[in-house]
Protein backbone atom coordinates (compact mmCIF):
# COMPACT_ATOMS: atom_id res chain seq x y z
CA UNK A 1 60.75 149.55 95.51
CA UNK A 2 59.01 147.80 98.34
CA UNK A 3 56.62 150.69 99.12
CA UNK A 4 59.31 153.27 99.71
CA UNK A 5 59.64 156.52 97.83
CA UNK A 6 62.84 158.38 97.40
CA UNK A 7 62.32 162.12 97.90
CA UNK A 8 64.72 164.90 97.26
CA UNK A 9 65.06 167.67 99.83
CA UNK A 10 62.43 170.43 99.35
CA UNK A 11 60.07 168.21 97.34
CA UNK A 12 56.36 168.77 97.85
CA UNK A 13 54.27 165.82 98.83
CA UNK A 14 50.51 165.67 98.50
CA UNK A 15 48.51 162.73 99.65
CA UNK A 16 45.33 161.96 97.78
CA UNK A 17 42.75 159.59 99.03
CA UNK A 18 41.07 157.99 96.03
CA UNK A 19 37.93 157.18 98.03
CA UNK A 20 37.31 160.81 99.08
CA UNK A 21 37.70 162.03 95.47
CA UNK A 22 35.10 159.51 94.38
CA UNK A 23 32.75 160.55 97.18
CA UNK A 24 33.04 164.21 96.22
CA UNK A 25 32.19 163.38 92.62
CA UNK A 26 29.15 161.39 93.76
CA UNK A 27 28.00 164.07 96.23
CA UNK A 28 27.08 166.56 93.55
CA UNK A 29 24.66 169.14 94.90
CA UNK A 30 21.63 170.35 92.98
CA UNK A 31 22.77 173.96 92.63
CA UNK A 32 26.06 172.89 91.01
CA UNK A 33 24.08 171.12 88.30
CA UNK A 34 22.14 174.28 87.46
CA UNK A 35 25.24 176.48 87.62
CA UNK A 36 27.14 174.25 85.21
CA UNK A 37 24.23 174.00 82.75
CA UNK A 38 22.70 177.46 82.18
CA UNK A 39 20.73 176.41 79.09
CA UNK A 40 19.01 173.63 81.02
CA UNK A 41 18.32 176.09 83.86
CA UNK A 42 16.68 178.51 81.43
CA UNK A 43 14.54 175.78 79.89
CA UNK A 44 13.42 174.49 83.28
CA UNK A 45 12.47 178.00 84.43
CA UNK A 46 10.59 178.71 81.18
CA UNK A 47 8.65 175.46 81.48
CA UNK A 48 7.70 176.28 85.10
CA UNK A 49 6.48 179.74 84.03
CA UNK A 50 4.53 178.42 81.04
CA UNK A 51 2.82 175.64 83.01
CA UNK A 52 2.10 178.10 85.82
CA UNK A 53 0.43 180.54 83.43
CA UNK A 54 -1.57 177.73 81.83
CA UNK A 55 -2.74 176.55 85.23
CA UNK A 56 -3.60 180.07 86.33
CA UNK A 57 -5.76 180.63 83.26
CA UNK A 58 -7.66 177.40 83.96
CA UNK A 59 -8.62 178.42 87.51
CA UNK A 60 -12.38 178.83 87.82
CA UNK A 61 -13.43 182.40 88.59
CA UNK A 62 -16.93 183.41 89.54
CA UNK A 63 -18.02 187.04 89.25
CA UNK A 64 -20.67 186.56 91.90
CA UNK A 65 -19.75 183.71 94.22
CA UNK A 66 -22.53 181.82 95.96
CA UNK A 67 -22.72 183.09 99.52
CA UNK A 68 -25.33 181.88 101.97
CA UNK A 69 -26.08 184.53 104.56
CA UNK A 70 -27.65 183.34 107.80
CA UNK A 71 -31.30 184.33 107.99
CA UNK A 72 -33.50 184.74 111.02
CA UNK A 73 -37.21 185.07 110.36
CA UNK A 74 -39.55 186.14 113.14
CA UNK A 75 -43.28 186.64 113.03
CA UNK A 76 -45.11 188.41 115.87
CA UNK A 77 -48.86 189.03 116.24
CA UNK A 78 -50.84 191.20 118.61
CA UNK A 79 -54.48 191.06 117.57
CA UNK A 80 -56.32 194.38 117.73
CA UNK A 81 -53.19 196.49 118.31
CA UNK A 82 -52.54 199.71 116.43
CA UNK A 83 -49.33 200.06 114.37
CA UNK A 84 -47.86 202.48 116.95
CA UNK A 85 -48.68 200.11 119.82
CA UNK A 86 -47.23 197.16 117.83
CA UNK A 87 -44.01 199.06 117.16
CA UNK A 88 -43.61 200.16 120.79
CA UNK A 89 -44.57 196.96 122.58
CA UNK A 90 -43.47 194.21 120.15
CA UNK A 91 -41.04 195.31 117.42
CA UNK A 92 -38.74 197.56 119.50
CA UNK A 93 -38.14 194.99 122.30
CA UNK A 94 -37.51 192.26 119.69
CA UNK A 95 -34.98 194.44 117.86
CA UNK A 96 -33.18 195.17 121.14
CA UNK A 97 -32.93 191.45 121.86
CA UNK A 98 -31.71 190.67 118.35
CA UNK A 99 -28.86 193.19 118.66
CA UNK A 100 -27.44 191.08 121.51
CA UNK A 101 -26.73 188.31 118.99
CA UNK A 102 -23.04 188.37 117.98
CA UNK A 103 -22.54 189.80 114.49
CA UNK A 104 -26.08 191.12 114.23
CA UNK A 105 -26.82 194.84 114.24
CA UNK A 106 -29.95 196.94 113.76
CA UNK A 107 -29.25 197.69 110.09
CA UNK A 108 -30.24 194.20 109.12
CA UNK A 109 -33.90 194.38 110.16
CA UNK A 110 -36.45 194.76 107.40
CA UNK A 111 -40.17 194.93 107.52
CA UNK A 112 -41.79 192.58 105.09
CA UNK A 113 -44.87 193.78 103.20
CA UNK A 114 -48.16 192.35 104.37
CA UNK A 115 -49.98 190.08 102.02
């Protein structure tokens, strides 16, 4: 018919582009795959959960982790001084100076026993 179509009055005409139909079939999105295959979706989710639990159980856990606290050790001598004089003239001024250090307060000072 030389490329001509004979239509009757009131006939519906729809034009389909074969290339666009092929493109839509090729452009399948990921969510459509999981919606169309619920059994595969369930198996994938179960495998993710199982491998996640196995990995979680293999994580190393330490009850008492190794923590290195910064330490400042100071030794002060005043030969011939009494303990009261040593506390008033040496220890108290040192403690006041140490409290100016960021993150250091007076609760962290300990007197070591003499040997």
